Amino acid sequence: MRVIFLENVPNVASAGETKEVADGYGRNFLIPKKLALLADSPDAAQMTVQLKAILKKTTDELAALAQQIEGKEVTIKAKVGAKDRLYGSITSAHIAAELESVTGLAIDKKKIELAEPIRQLGSYEVVIRLGKDATPKIKVTVTAEEKKKEVEKAEKKPKAEKKPKAEKKKK
């Protein structure tokens, strides 16, 4: 069955693509959910023209968004243990939240490509895959979280000496 995709379907096709799919997949999933349209239908020619216009607009918007994000620096503070190893890890969700606070742009955490979560202090280059041609890179710096003032004060104060307990008399 030949279909024209109306929306992006992960690992299958992008919006506007015409592709051959299994009959059951097209008939039972793609067409009922309005993710695709039969390529043989009378509306196919008109939809193709509309989709091309929408794709052009979307591509331009993604390129503009990529330019805004490209080269931004994001600093994330985390608790650190021995040998600059983090307690826990920095994931794409943390990076997305921090990037939104820096730029004001909401980026889906699924679009941030991390081979594995960050578990060490340092600077990392992270790729954000917005679209086929829109893949800006940002710099993520992970720094040690400063100790709380209360903890520092407690460390500076010498501890009071404990008084020995009175011994109990045995009868």
N, C-alpha and C. Protein backbone atom coordinates (compact mmCIF):
# COMPACT_ATOMS: atom_id res chain seq x y z
N MET A 1 0.85 -1.17 0.00
CA MET A 1 0.00 0.00 0.00
C MET A 1 0.90 1.23 0.00
N ARG A 2 0.63 2.15 -0.89
CA ARG A 2 1.40 3.37 -1.02
C ARG A 2 0.65 4.50 -0.31
N VAL A 3 1.34 5.20 0.62
CA VAL A 3 0.71 6.28 1.38
C VAL A 3 1.58 7.53 1.36
N ILE A 4 0.93 8.66 1.60
CA ILE A 4 1.62 9.94 1.76
C ILE A 4 1.51 10.29 3.24
N PHE A 5 2.64 10.49 3.88
CA PHE A 5 2.63 10.78 5.31
C PHE A 5 2.27 12.24 5.55
N LEU A 6 1.30 12.45 6.45
CA LEU A 6 0.85 13.80 6.80
C LEU A 6 1.62 14.34 8.00
N GLU A 7 2.17 13.44 8.82
CA GLU A 7 2.95 13.83 10.00
C GLU A 7 4.19 12.96 10.08
N ASN A 8 5.14 13.40 10.89
CA ASN A 8 6.34 12.59 11.12
C ASN A 8 5.97 11.36 11.93
N VAL A 9 6.41 10.20 11.48
CA VAL A 9 6.22 8.96 12.21
C VAL A 9 7.62 8.43 12.50
N PRO A 10 8.03 8.40 13.78
CA PRO A 10 9.39 8.00 14.12
C PRO A 10 9.78 6.65 13.53
N ASN A 11 10.98 6.59 13.00
CA ASN A 11 11.57 5.39 12.41
C ASN A 11 10.81 4.85 11.20
N VAL A 12 9.88 5.64 10.65
CA VAL A 12 9.15 5.20 9.46
C VAL A 12 9.31 6.21 8.34
N ALA A 13 8.82 7.43 8.55
CA ALA A 13 8.89 8.45 7.51
C ALA A 13 8.63 9.83 8.09
N SER A 14 8.99 10.84 7.31
CA SER A 14 8.73 12.22 7.68
C SER A 14 7.48 12.70 6.96
N ALA A 15 6.91 13.79 7.45
CA ALA A 15 5.73 14.37 6.81
C ALA A 15 6.06 14.73 5.37
N GLY A 16 5.15 14.41 4.45
CA GLY A 16 5.33 14.74 3.05
C GLY A 16 5.94 13.62 2.23
N GLU A 17 6.51 12.63 2.86
CA GLU A 17 7.12 11.51 2.13
C GLU A 17 6.04 10.56 1.62
N THR A 18 6.29 9.98 0.45
CA THR A 18 5.43 8.94 -0.08
C THR A 18 6.21 7.64 0.07
N LYS A 19 5.56 6.65 0.70
CA LYS A 19 6.27 5.42 1.00
C LYS A 19 5.34 4.22 0.90
N GLU A 20 5.92 3.08 0.61
CA GLU A 20 5.20 1.81 0.57
C GLU A 20 5.21 1.22 1.98
N VAL A 21 4.01 0.91 2.52
CA VAL A 21 3.90 0.30 3.85
C VAL A 21 3.04 -0.95 3.77
N ALA A 22 3.08 -1.76 4.79
CA ALA A 22 2.25 -2.96 4.85
C ALA A 22 0.78 -2.55 4.86
N ASP A 23 -0.05 -3.35 4.19
CA ASP A 23 -1.48 -3.02 4.09
C ASP A 23 -2.13 -2.85 5.46
N GLY A 24 -1.89 -3.77 6.36
CA GLY A 24 -2.49 -3.70 7.68
C GLY A 24 -2.03 -2.49 8.47
N TYR A 25 -0.75 -2.15 8.36
CA TYR A 25 -0.20 -0.99 9.07
C TYR A 25 -0.85 0.29 8.56
N GLY A 26 -0.99 0.40 7.26
CA GLY A 26 -1.61 1.59 6.68
C GLY A 26 -3.09 1.67 7.00
N ARG A 27 -3.81 0.57 6.78
CA ARG A 27 -5.26 0.55 6.93
C ARG A 27 -5.69 0.63 8.40
N ASN A 28 -4.97 -0.02 9.30
CA ASN A 28 -5.39 -0.11 10.69
C ASN A 28 -4.76 0.91 11.63
N PHE A 29 -3.65 1.51 11.21
CA PHE A 29 -2.97 2.44 12.11
C PHE A 29 -2.80 3.83 11.51
N LEU A 30 -2.10 3.91 10.38
CA LEU A 30 -1.74 5.22 9.82
C LEU A 30 -2.96 6.03 9.36
N ILE A 31 -3.83 5.43 8.58
CA ILE A 31 -4.97 6.18 8.01
C ILE A 31 -5.99 6.54 9.09
N PRO A 32 -6.41 5.63 9.98
CA PRO A 32 -7.38 6.02 11.02
C PRO A 32 -6.87 7.13 11.96
N LYS A 33 -5.57 7.15 12.22
CA LYS A 33 -5.01 8.18 13.10
C LYS A 33 -4.63 9.44 12.34
N LYS A 34 -4.95 9.47 11.05
CA LYS A 34 -4.67 10.61 10.17
C LYS A 34 -3.19 10.97 10.14
N LEU A 35 -2.36 9.93 10.19
CA LEU A 35 -0.92 10.12 10.05
C LEU A 35 -0.51 10.01 8.59
N ALA A 36 -1.37 9.37 7.78
CA ALA A 36 -1.06 9.18 6.37
C ALA A 36 -2.35 9.16 5.56
N LEU A 37 -2.19 9.31 4.25
CA LEU A 37 -3.30 9.34 3.30
C LEU A 37 -2.93 8.42 2.15
N LEU A 38 -3.90 7.69 1.63
CA LEU A 38 -3.63 6.82 0.48
C LEU A 38 -3.10 7.64 -0.68
N ALA A 39 -2.04 7.17 -1.30
CA ALA A 39 -1.43 7.90 -2.41
C ALA A 39 -2.32 7.87 -3.65
N ASP A 40 -3.24 6.89 -3.74
CA ASP A 40 -4.12 6.76 -4.91
C ASP A 40 -5.40 7.57 -4.78
N SER A 41 -5.67 8.14 -3.61
CA SER A 41 -6.93 8.84 -3.39
C SER A 41 -6.99 10.14 -4.19
N PRO A 42 -8.21 10.63 -4.48
CA PRO A 42 -8.36 11.87 -5.26
C PRO A 42 -7.77 13.10 -4.56
N ASP A 43 -7.69 13.06 -3.24
CA ASP A 43 -7.16 14.20 -2.48
C ASP A 43 -5.64 14.22 -2.44
N ALA A 44 -5.01 13.17 -2.91
CA ALA A 44 -3.56 13.03 -2.78
C ALA A 44 -2.79 14.15 -3.46
N ALA A 45 -3.17 14.54 -4.66
CA ALA A 45 -2.44 15.60 -5.39
C ALA A 45 -2.55 16.93 -4.64
N GLN A 46 -3.75 17.25 -4.19
CA GLN A 46 -3.95 18.50 -3.46
C GLN A 46 -3.19 18.48 -2.13
N MET A 47 -3.22 17.35 -1.43
CA MET A 47 -2.52 17.23 -0.15
C MET A 47 -1.01 17.34 -0.33
N THR A 48 -0.50 16.83 -1.43
CA THR A 48 0.94 16.90 -1.69
C THR A 48 1.39 18.35 -1.81
N VAL A 49 0.62 19.16 -2.52
CA VAL A 49 0.95 20.58 -2.68
C VAL A 49 0.90 21.29 -1.33
N GLN A 50 -0.14 21.01 -0.54
CA GLN A 50 -0.27 21.63 0.77
C GLN A 50 0.87 21.20 1.70
N LEU A 51 1.20 19.93 1.66
CA LEU A 51 2.27 19.42 2.51
C LEU A 51 3.62 20.04 2.17
N LYS A 52 3.88 20.23 0.89
CA LYS A 52 5.15 20.84 0.48
C LYS A 52 5.26 22.26 1.03
N ALA A 53 4.15 23.01 0.99
CA ALA A 53 4.15 24.37 1.53
C ALA A 53 4.38 24.35 3.05
N ILE A 54 3.72 23.42 3.72
CA ILE A 54 3.87 23.30 5.18
C ILE A 54 5.29 22.88 5.53
N LEU A 55 5.84 21.94 4.78
CA LEU A 55 7.21 21.48 5.03
C LEU A 55 8.22 22.59 4.85
N LYS A 56 8.03 23.41 3.84
CA LYS A 56 8.93 24.54 3.58
C LYS A 56 8.90 25.50 4.78
N LYS A 57 7.69 25.80 5.24
CA LYS A 57 7.53 26.71 6.38
C LYS A 57 8.16 26.11 7.64
N THR A 58 7.91 24.83 7.88
CA THR A 58 8.46 24.16 9.05
C THR A 58 9.98 24.11 9.01
N THR A 59 10.53 23.83 7.85
CA THR A 59 11.98 23.78 7.69
C THR A 59 12.60 25.14 7.98
N ASP A 60 11.97 26.20 7.50
CA ASP A 60 12.47 27.55 7.77
C ASP A 60 12.42 27.88 9.26
N GLU A 61 11.33 27.48 9.93
CA GLU A 61 11.20 27.73 11.36
C GLU A 61 12.26 26.97 12.16
N LEU A 62 12.50 25.71 11.77
CA LEU A 62 13.51 24.91 12.46
C LEU A 62 14.91 25.48 12.26
N ALA A 63 15.18 26.00 11.06
CA ALA A 63 16.48 26.60 10.79
C ALA A 63 16.68 27.85 11.66
N ALA A 64 15.62 28.65 11.81
CA ALA A 64 15.71 29.85 12.65
C ALA A 64 15.92 29.46 14.12
N LEU A 65 15.21 28.43 14.56
CA LEU A 65 15.35 27.94 15.93
C LEU A 65 16.77 27.40 16.17
N ALA A 66 17.30 26.70 15.19
CA ALA A 66 18.66 26.15 15.29
C ALA A 66 19.68 27.27 15.42
N GLN A 67 19.47 28.36 14.70
CA GLN A 67 20.39 29.51 14.78
C GLN A 67 20.35 30.14 16.17
N GLN A 68 19.16 30.20 16.77
CA GLN A 68 19.04 30.78 18.11
C GLN A 68 19.76 29.92 19.16
N ILE A 69 19.72 28.62 18.98
CA ILE A 69 20.29 27.71 19.96
C ILE A 69 21.78 27.47 19.75
N GLU A 70 22.23 27.49 18.52
CA GLU A 70 23.62 27.15 18.16
C GLU A 70 24.63 27.90 19.03
N GLY A 71 25.53 27.15 19.63
CA GLY A 71 26.64 27.74 20.39
C GLY A 71 26.30 28.22 21.79
N LYS A 72 25.07 28.06 22.23
CA LYS A 72 24.71 28.49 23.59
C LYS A 72 25.46 27.64 24.62
N GLU A 73 25.71 28.25 25.76
CA GLU A 73 26.37 27.54 26.85
C GLU A 73 25.39 27.37 27.99
N VAL A 74 25.32 26.16 28.50
CA VAL A 74 24.43 25.83 29.60
C VAL A 74 25.30 25.31 30.75
N THR A 75 25.09 25.87 31.94
CA THR A 75 25.83 25.42 33.12
C THR A 75 24.87 24.75 34.08
N ILE A 76 25.22 23.54 34.47
CA ILE A 76 24.38 22.78 35.39
C ILE A 76 25.21 22.47 36.63
N LYS A 77 24.64 22.78 37.80
CA LYS A 77 25.33 22.49 39.06
C LYS A 77 24.78 21.19 39.62
N ALA A 78 25.70 20.37 40.12
CA ALA A 78 25.30 19.07 40.66
C ALA A 78 26.13 18.72 41.88
N LYS A 79 25.58 17.87 42.72
CA LYS A 79 26.31 17.41 43.90
C LYS A 79 27.41 16.45 43.45
N VAL A 80 28.57 16.60 44.07
CA VAL A 80 29.74 15.84 43.64
C VAL A 80 30.32 15.03 44.79
N GLY A 81 30.77 13.84 44.47
CA GLY A 81 31.43 12.98 45.45
C GLY A 81 32.92 12.94 45.17
N ALA A 82 33.53 11.84 45.50
CA ALA A 82 34.97 11.67 45.31
C ALA A 82 35.32 11.63 43.83
N LYS A 83 36.50 12.12 43.51
CA LYS A 83 37.05 12.11 42.15
C LYS A 83 36.13 12.80 41.13
N ASP A 84 35.48 13.87 41.54
CA ASP A 84 34.59 14.66 40.68
C ASP A 84 33.49 13.82 40.04
N ARG A 85 33.06 12.80 40.70
CA ARG A 85 31.98 11.95 40.21
C ARG A 85 30.67 12.46 40.81
N LEU A 86 29.65 12.57 39.97
CA LEU A 86 28.37 13.11 40.41
C LEU A 86 27.56 12.10 41.20
N TYR A 87 26.78 12.63 42.14
CA TYR A 87 25.75 11.81 42.78
C TYR A 87 24.60 11.80 41.80
N GLY A 88 24.30 10.70 41.19
CA GLY A 88 23.28 10.65 40.15
C GLY A 88 23.92 10.99 38.82
N SER A 89 23.13 11.54 37.90
CA SER A 89 23.67 11.88 36.59
C SER A 89 22.85 13.00 35.97
N ILE A 90 23.42 13.62 34.93
CA ILE A 90 22.74 14.68 34.19
C ILE A 90 22.16 14.03 32.93
N THR A 91 20.85 14.13 32.76
CA THR A 91 20.18 13.52 31.61
C THR A 91 19.72 14.60 30.64
N SER A 92 19.14 14.16 29.54
CA SER A 92 18.64 15.10 28.55
C SER A 92 17.51 15.95 29.13
N ALA A 93 16.76 15.43 30.09
CA ALA A 93 15.70 16.21 30.73
C ALA A 93 16.28 17.39 31.50
N HIS A 94 17.40 17.17 32.21
CA HIS A 94 18.06 18.26 32.94
C HIS A 94 18.56 19.32 31.96
N ILE A 95 19.15 18.87 30.87
CA ILE A 95 19.70 19.80 29.87
C ILE A 95 18.57 20.60 29.24
N ALA A 96 17.45 19.95 28.91
CA ALA A 96 16.31 20.64 28.30
C ALA A 96 15.75 21.71 29.24
N ALA A 97 15.64 21.39 30.52
CA ALA A 97 15.12 22.36 31.49
C ALA A 97 16.06 23.55 31.63
N GLU A 98 17.35 23.30 31.70
CA GLU A 98 18.32 24.38 31.84
C GLU A 98 18.40 25.22 30.57
N LEU A 99 18.31 24.57 29.41
CA LEU A 99 18.32 25.29 28.14
C LEU A 99 17.11 26.20 28.02
N GLU A 100 15.96 25.73 28.51
CA GLU A 100 14.76 26.55 28.48
C GLU A 100 14.91 27.77 29.39
N SER A 101 15.54 27.60 30.55
CA SER A 101 15.72 28.74 31.44
C SER A 101 16.72 29.75 30.87
N VAL A 102 17.69 29.28 30.09
CA VAL A 102 18.69 30.18 29.50
C VAL A 102 18.14 30.90 28.27
N THR A 103 17.48 30.15 27.38
CA THR A 103 17.04 30.73 26.11
C THR A 103 15.57 31.11 26.07
N GLY A 104 14.77 30.51 26.94
CA GLY A 104 13.33 30.75 26.90
C GLY A 104 12.63 29.90 25.86
N LEU A 105 13.36 28.98 25.22
CA LEU A 105 12.80 28.12 24.19
C LEU A 105 12.62 26.71 24.75
N ALA A 106 11.42 26.18 24.63
CA ALA A 106 11.16 24.82 25.12
C ALA A 106 11.60 23.81 24.07
N ILE A 107 12.53 22.96 24.44
CA ILE A 107 13.04 21.92 23.56
C ILE A 107 12.67 20.57 24.16
N ASP A 108 12.12 19.69 23.35
CA ASP A 108 11.74 18.36 23.81
C ASP A 108 13.00 17.57 24.19
N LYS A 109 12.97 16.92 25.35
CA LYS A 109 14.14 16.18 25.82
C LYS A 109 14.53 15.05 24.88
N LYS A 110 13.59 14.56 24.09
CA LYS A 110 13.87 13.48 23.15
C LYS A 110 14.74 13.94 21.98
N LYS A 111 14.78 15.23 21.75
CA LYS A 111 15.57 15.77 20.64
C LYS A 111 17.03 16.00 21.03
N ILE A 112 17.32 15.93 22.32
CA ILE A 112 18.69 16.11 22.80
C ILE A 112 19.39 14.76 22.77
N GLU A 113 20.50 14.71 22.05
CA GLU A 113 21.21 13.45 21.87
C GLU A 113 22.37 13.31 22.85
N LEU A 114 22.21 12.37 23.75
CA LEU A 114 23.27 12.01 24.70
C LEU A 114 23.53 10.52 24.53
N ALA A 115 24.78 10.16 24.30
CA ALA A 115 25.10 8.74 24.18
C ALA A 115 24.79 8.03 25.49
N GLU A 116 25.13 8.68 26.59
CA GLU A 116 24.83 8.16 27.92
C GLU A 116 24.76 9.35 28.86
N PRO A 117 24.07 9.22 29.99
CA PRO A 117 23.98 10.33 30.93
C PRO A 117 25.36 10.79 31.40
N ILE A 118 25.47 12.08 31.70
CA ILE A 118 26.74 12.67 32.14
C ILE A 118 26.92 12.38 33.63
N ARG A 119 28.08 11.81 33.99
CA ARG A 119 28.33 11.44 35.38
C ARG A 119 29.61 12.07 35.95
N GLN A 120 30.28 12.90 35.17
CA GLN A 120 31.53 13.53 35.60
C GLN A 120 31.42 15.05 35.43
N LEU A 121 32.19 15.78 36.22
CA LEU A 121 32.29 17.22 36.02
C LEU A 121 33.02 17.48 34.72
N GLY A 122 32.74 18.63 34.10
CA GLY A 122 33.46 18.99 32.88
C GLY A 122 32.56 19.63 31.86
N SER A 123 33.11 19.85 30.66
CA SER A 123 32.37 20.45 29.55
C SER A 123 32.10 19.40 28.50
N TYR A 124 30.90 19.43 27.97
CA TYR A 124 30.48 18.45 26.97
C TYR A 124 29.79 19.17 25.82
N GLU A 125 30.00 18.68 24.60
CA GLU A 125 29.30 19.21 23.44
C GLU A 125 28.11 18.29 23.17
N VAL A 126 26.92 18.88 23.13
CA VAL A 126 25.70 18.11 22.97
C VAL A 126 24.99 18.54 21.69
N VAL A 127 24.51 17.57 20.93
CA VAL A 127 23.80 17.83 19.68
C VAL A 127 22.30 17.78 19.95
N ILE A 128 21.58 18.73 19.37
CA ILE A 128 20.12 18.75 19.45
C ILE A 128 19.60 18.51 18.05
N ARG A 129 18.86 17.43 17.86
CA ARG A 129 18.35 17.08 16.53
C ARG A 129 16.92 17.60 16.39
N LEU A 130 16.79 18.81 15.82
CA LEU A 130 15.49 19.42 15.63
C LEU A 130 14.80 18.88 14.37
N GLY A 131 15.58 18.59 13.35
CA GLY A 131 15.07 18.07 12.09
C GLY A 131 16.21 17.48 11.30
N LYS A 132 15.93 17.14 10.04
CA LYS A 132 16.97 16.52 9.21
C LYS A 132 18.19 17.41 9.06
N ASP A 133 17.98 18.67 8.75
CA ASP A 133 19.09 19.59 8.49
C ASP A 133 19.35 20.55 9.64
N ALA A 134 18.52 20.51 10.67
CA ALA A 134 18.66 21.44 11.80
C ALA A 134 19.20 20.68 13.01
N THR A 135 20.53 20.73 13.18
CA THR A 135 21.15 20.05 14.32
C THR A 135 22.17 20.97 14.99
N PRO A 136 21.68 21.92 15.80
CA PRO A 136 22.62 22.81 16.49
C PRO A 136 23.36 22.07 17.61
N LYS A 137 24.52 22.61 17.96
CA LYS A 137 25.32 22.05 19.05
C LYS A 137 25.39 23.09 20.17
N ILE A 138 25.29 22.61 21.40
CA ILE A 138 25.43 23.49 22.55
C ILE A 138 26.53 22.94 23.45
N LYS A 139 27.03 23.80 24.32
CA LYS A 139 28.07 23.39 25.26
C LYS A 139 27.43 23.27 26.64
N VAL A 140 27.55 22.11 27.24
CA VAL A 140 27.02 21.87 28.58
C VAL A 140 28.19 21.74 29.53
N THR A 141 28.21 22.60 30.55
CA THR A 141 29.27 22.57 31.55
C THR A 141 28.65 22.11 32.87
N VAL A 142 29.21 21.06 33.43
CA VAL A 142 28.73 20.55 34.71
C VAL A 142 29.73 20.97 35.78
N THR A 143 29.23 21.72 36.78
CA THR A 143 30.10 22.21 37.85
C THR A 143 29.62 21.67 39.19
N ALA A 144 30.49 21.75 40.18
CA ALA A 144 30.15 21.27 41.52
C ALA A 144 29.21 22.26 42.20
N GLU A 145 28.20 21.74 42.85
CA GLU A 145 27.27 22.57 43.59
C GLU A 145 27.97 23.05 44.85
N GLU A 146 27.82 24.33 45.14
CA GLU A 146 28.47 24.88 46.33
C GLU A 146 27.79 24.34 47.57
N LYS A 147 28.59 24.14 48.60
CA LYS A 147 28.02 23.63 49.84
C LYS A 147 27.13 24.69 50.46
N LYS A 148 26.12 24.24 51.14
CA LYS A 148 25.21 25.18 51.79
C LYS A 148 25.92 25.87 52.95
N LYS A 149 25.52 27.09 53.22
CA LYS A 149 26.15 27.88 54.28
C LYS A 149 26.06 27.19 55.64
N GLU A 150 24.92 26.54 55.88
CA GLU A 150 24.74 25.88 57.17
C GLU A 150 25.76 24.77 57.35
N VAL A 151 26.01 24.04 56.31
CA VAL A 151 26.98 22.94 56.39
C VAL A 151 28.36 23.51 56.66
N GLU A 152 28.69 24.61 56.00
CA GLU A 152 30.00 25.23 56.19
C GLU A 152 30.16 25.72 57.63
N LYS A 153 29.11 26.32 58.18
CA LYS A 153 29.17 26.81 59.55
C LYS A 153 29.36 25.64 60.52
N ALA A 154 28.66 24.57 60.26
CA ALA A 154 28.76 23.39 61.13
C ALA A 154 30.16 22.81 61.09
N GLU A 155 30.78 22.86 59.94
CA GLU A 155 32.13 22.33 59.80
C GLU A 155 33.14 23.22 60.52
N LYS A 156 32.92 24.52 60.53
CA LYS A 156 33.85 25.46 61.15
C LYS A 156 33.77 25.43 62.67
N LYS A 157 32.57 25.21 63.24
CA LYS A 157 32.39 25.20 64.69
C LYS A 157 33.04 23.97 65.29
N PRO A 158 33.84 24.18 66.32
CA PRO A 158 34.37 22.99 67.01
C PRO A 158 33.23 22.37 67.81
N LYS A 159 33.18 21.08 67.80
CA LYS A 159 32.10 20.40 68.52
C LYS A 159 32.36 20.47 70.02
N ALA A 160 31.30 20.69 70.76
CA ALA A 160 31.41 20.74 72.22
C ALA A 160 31.76 19.35 72.74
N GLU A 161 32.61 19.36 73.77
CA GLU A 161 33.00 18.07 74.33
C GLU A 161 31.84 17.50 75.11
N LYS A 162 31.67 16.21 74.99
CA LYS A 162 30.58 15.55 75.70
C LYS A 162 31.00 15.32 77.15
N LYS A 163 30.07 15.54 78.05
CA LYS A 163 30.32 15.31 79.46
C LYS A 163 30.11 13.82 79.74
N PRO A 164 30.96 13.26 80.52
CA PRO A 164 30.77 11.84 80.83
C PRO A 164 29.49 11.65 81.63
N LYS A 165 28.80 10.58 81.34
CA LYS A 165 27.55 10.29 82.05
C LYS A 165 27.87 9.79 83.45
N ALA A 166 26.98 10.11 84.35
CA ALA A 166 27.15 9.65 85.72
C ALA A 166 26.97 8.15 85.75
N GLU A 167 27.83 7.51 86.49
CA GLU A 167 27.75 6.05 86.58
C GLU A 167 26.60 5.66 87.49
N LYS A 168 25.94 4.60 87.11
CA LYS A 168 24.85 4.09 87.93
C LYS A 168 25.43 3.24 89.06
N LYS A 169 24.84 3.41 90.21
CA LYS A 169 25.29 2.61 91.36
C LYS A 169 24.58 1.28 91.34
N LYS A 170 25.33 0.25 91.60
CA LYS A 170 24.73 -1.08 91.67
C LYS A 170 24.40 -1.38 93.12
N LYS A 171 23.26 -1.93 93.33
CA LYS A 171 22.83 -2.26 94.70
C LYS A 171 23.08 -3.68 95.03
